[in-house]
Amino acid sequence: MSVARVTEITASSTTSFEDAIAQGIARANQTLTNVEGAWVQQQTVACEAGKIKEYRVNMKVTFILTD
């Protein structure tokens, strides 16, 4: 039997939502072991002078707990 845990993270990128997701998962993998997936809960942008300055994602990352 395995037990999973979910943690919520926010990541950002100046390039795209896809890059923000990739950076968030990469950073989660530095701290968490056995990352199994993520649910992108929310996407937002920060604007400056009428242009997109930053893409932001709020994700719930699932990882498996080990003994």
C-alpha atoms as a PDB file:
ATOM      1  CA  MET A   1       0.000   0.000   0.000  1.00  0.00           C
ATOM      2  CA  SER A   2       1.255   3.474  -0.763  1.00  0.00           C
ATOM      3  CA  VAL A   3       0.298   6.794   0.759  1.00  0.00           C
ATOM      4  CA  ALA A   4       0.332  10.050  -1.190  1.00  0.00           C
ATOM      5  CA  ARG A   5       0.574  13.602  -0.005  1.00  0.00           C
ATOM      6  CA  VAL A   6      -0.394  16.814  -1.794  1.00  0.00           C
ATOM      7  CA  THR A   7       1.359  20.149  -1.403  1.00  0.00           C
ATOM      8  CA  GLU A   8       0.398  23.445  -3.010  1.00  0.00           C
ATOM      9  CA  ILE A   9       3.025  25.528  -4.803  1.00  0.00           C
ATOM     10  CA  THR A  10       3.091  28.679  -6.921  1.00  0.00           C
ATOM     11  CA  ALA A  11       5.571  29.124  -9.755  1.00  0.00           C
ATOM     12  CA  SER A  12       6.213  31.919 -12.236  1.00  0.00           C
ATOM     13  CA  SER A  13       7.940  32.548 -15.544  1.00  0.00           C
ATOM     14  CA  THR A  14       8.480  35.498 -17.832  1.00  0.00           C
ATOM     15  CA  THR A  15       8.149  33.157 -20.843  1.00  0.00           C
ATOM     16  CA  SER A  16       4.889  31.155 -20.633  1.00  0.00           C
ATOM     17  CA  PHE A  17       2.476  29.166 -18.484  1.00  0.00           C
ATOM     18  CA  GLU A  18       4.130  25.958 -19.718  1.00  0.00           C
ATOM     19  CA  ASP A  19       7.537  27.214 -18.551  1.00  0.00           C
ATOM     20  CA  ALA A  20       6.094  28.204 -15.164  1.00  0.00           C
ATOM     21  CA  ILE A  21       4.709  24.669 -14.759  1.00  0.00           C
ATOM     22  CA  ALA A  22       8.030  23.099 -15.778  1.00  0.00           C
ATOM     23  CA  GLN A  23       9.966  25.319 -13.364  1.00  0.00           C
ATOM     24  CA  GLY A  24       7.543  24.549 -10.537  1.00  0.00           C
ATOM     25  CA  ILE A  25       7.828  20.778 -11.063  1.00  0.00           C
ATOM     26  CA  ALA A  26      11.623  20.990 -11.376  1.00  0.00           C
ATOM     27  CA  ARG A  27      11.837  22.913  -8.097  1.00  0.00           C
ATOM     28  CA  ALA A  28       9.444  20.523  -6.347  1.00  0.00           C
ATOM     29  CA  ASN A  29      11.668  17.618  -7.418  1.00  0.00           C
ATOM     30  CA  GLN A  30      14.623  19.234  -5.628  1.00  0.00           C
ATOM     31  CA  THR A  31      12.814  19.004  -2.289  1.00  0.00           C
ATOM     32  CA  LEU A  32      10.230  16.239  -2.660  1.00  0.00           C
ATOM     33  CA  THR A  33      10.827  12.616  -3.612  1.00  0.00           C
ATOM     34  CA  ASN A  34       8.526  10.467  -5.730  1.00  0.00           C
ATOM     35  CA  VAL A  35       6.623  13.326  -7.402  1.00  0.00           C
ATOM     36  CA  GLU A  36       3.809  11.630  -9.317  1.00  0.00           C
ATOM     37  CA  GLY A  37       1.877  14.507 -10.847  1.00  0.00           C
ATOM     38  CA  ALA A  38       0.366  17.931 -10.471  1.00  0.00           C
ATOM     39  CA  TRP A  39      -2.978  19.621 -10.903  1.00  0.00           C
ATOM     40  CA  VAL A  40      -2.738  23.151 -12.289  1.00  0.00           C
ATOM     41  CA  GLN A  41      -5.372  24.832 -10.197  1.00  0.00           C
ATOM     42  CA  GLN A  42      -5.062  28.424 -11.379  1.00  0.00           C
ATOM     43  CA  GLN A  43      -3.284  30.496 -14.024  1.00  0.00           C
ATOM     44  CA  THR A  44      -2.802  34.252 -13.716  1.00  0.00           C
ATOM     45  CA  VAL A  45      -0.656  36.935 -15.309  1.00  0.00           C
ATOM     46  CA  ALA A  46       1.003  40.045 -13.957  1.00  0.00           C
ATOM     47  CA  CYS A  47       0.890  43.020 -16.316  1.00  0.00           C
ATOM     48  CA  GLU A  48       2.958  46.152 -16.644  1.00  0.00           C
ATOM     49  CA  ALA A  49       2.278  48.982 -19.083  1.00  0.00           C
ATOM     50  CA  GLY A  50      -0.422  46.912 -20.758  1.00  0.00           C
ATOM     51  CA  LYS A  51       1.873  43.937 -21.455  1.00  0.00           C
ATOM     52  CA  ILE A  52       2.273  40.587 -19.738  1.00  0.00           C
ATOM     53  CA  LYS A  53       5.206  40.759 -17.356  1.00  0.00           C
ATOM     54  CA  GLU A  54       4.913  37.332 -15.711  1.00  0.00           C
ATOM     55  CA  TYR A  55       2.935  34.099 -16.050  1.00  0.00           C
ATOM     56  CA  ARG A  56       1.943  32.479 -12.741  1.00  0.00           C
ATOM     57  CA  VAL A  57       0.523  29.059 -11.920  1.00  0.00           C
ATOM     58  CA  ASN A  58      -0.840  27.674  -8.688  1.00  0.00           C
ATOM     59  CA  MET A  59      -0.431  23.866  -8.578  1.00  0.00           C
ATOM     60  CA  LYS A  60      -1.178  20.984  -6.271  1.00  0.00           C
ATOM     61  CA  VAL A  61       1.747  18.544  -6.506  1.00  0.00           C
ATOM     62  CA  THR A  62       1.225  14.901  -5.537  1.00  0.00           C
ATOM     63  CA  PHE A  63       4.082  12.800  -4.214  1.00  0.00           C
ATOM     64  CA  ILE A  64       4.284   9.316  -2.728  1.00  0.00           C
ATOM     65  CA  LEU A  65       5.507   8.902   0.848  1.00  0.00           C
ATOM     66  CA  THR A  66       8.063   6.154   1.452  1.00  0.00           C
ATOM     67  CA  ASP A  67       9.028   4.247   4.558  1.00  0.00           C
END
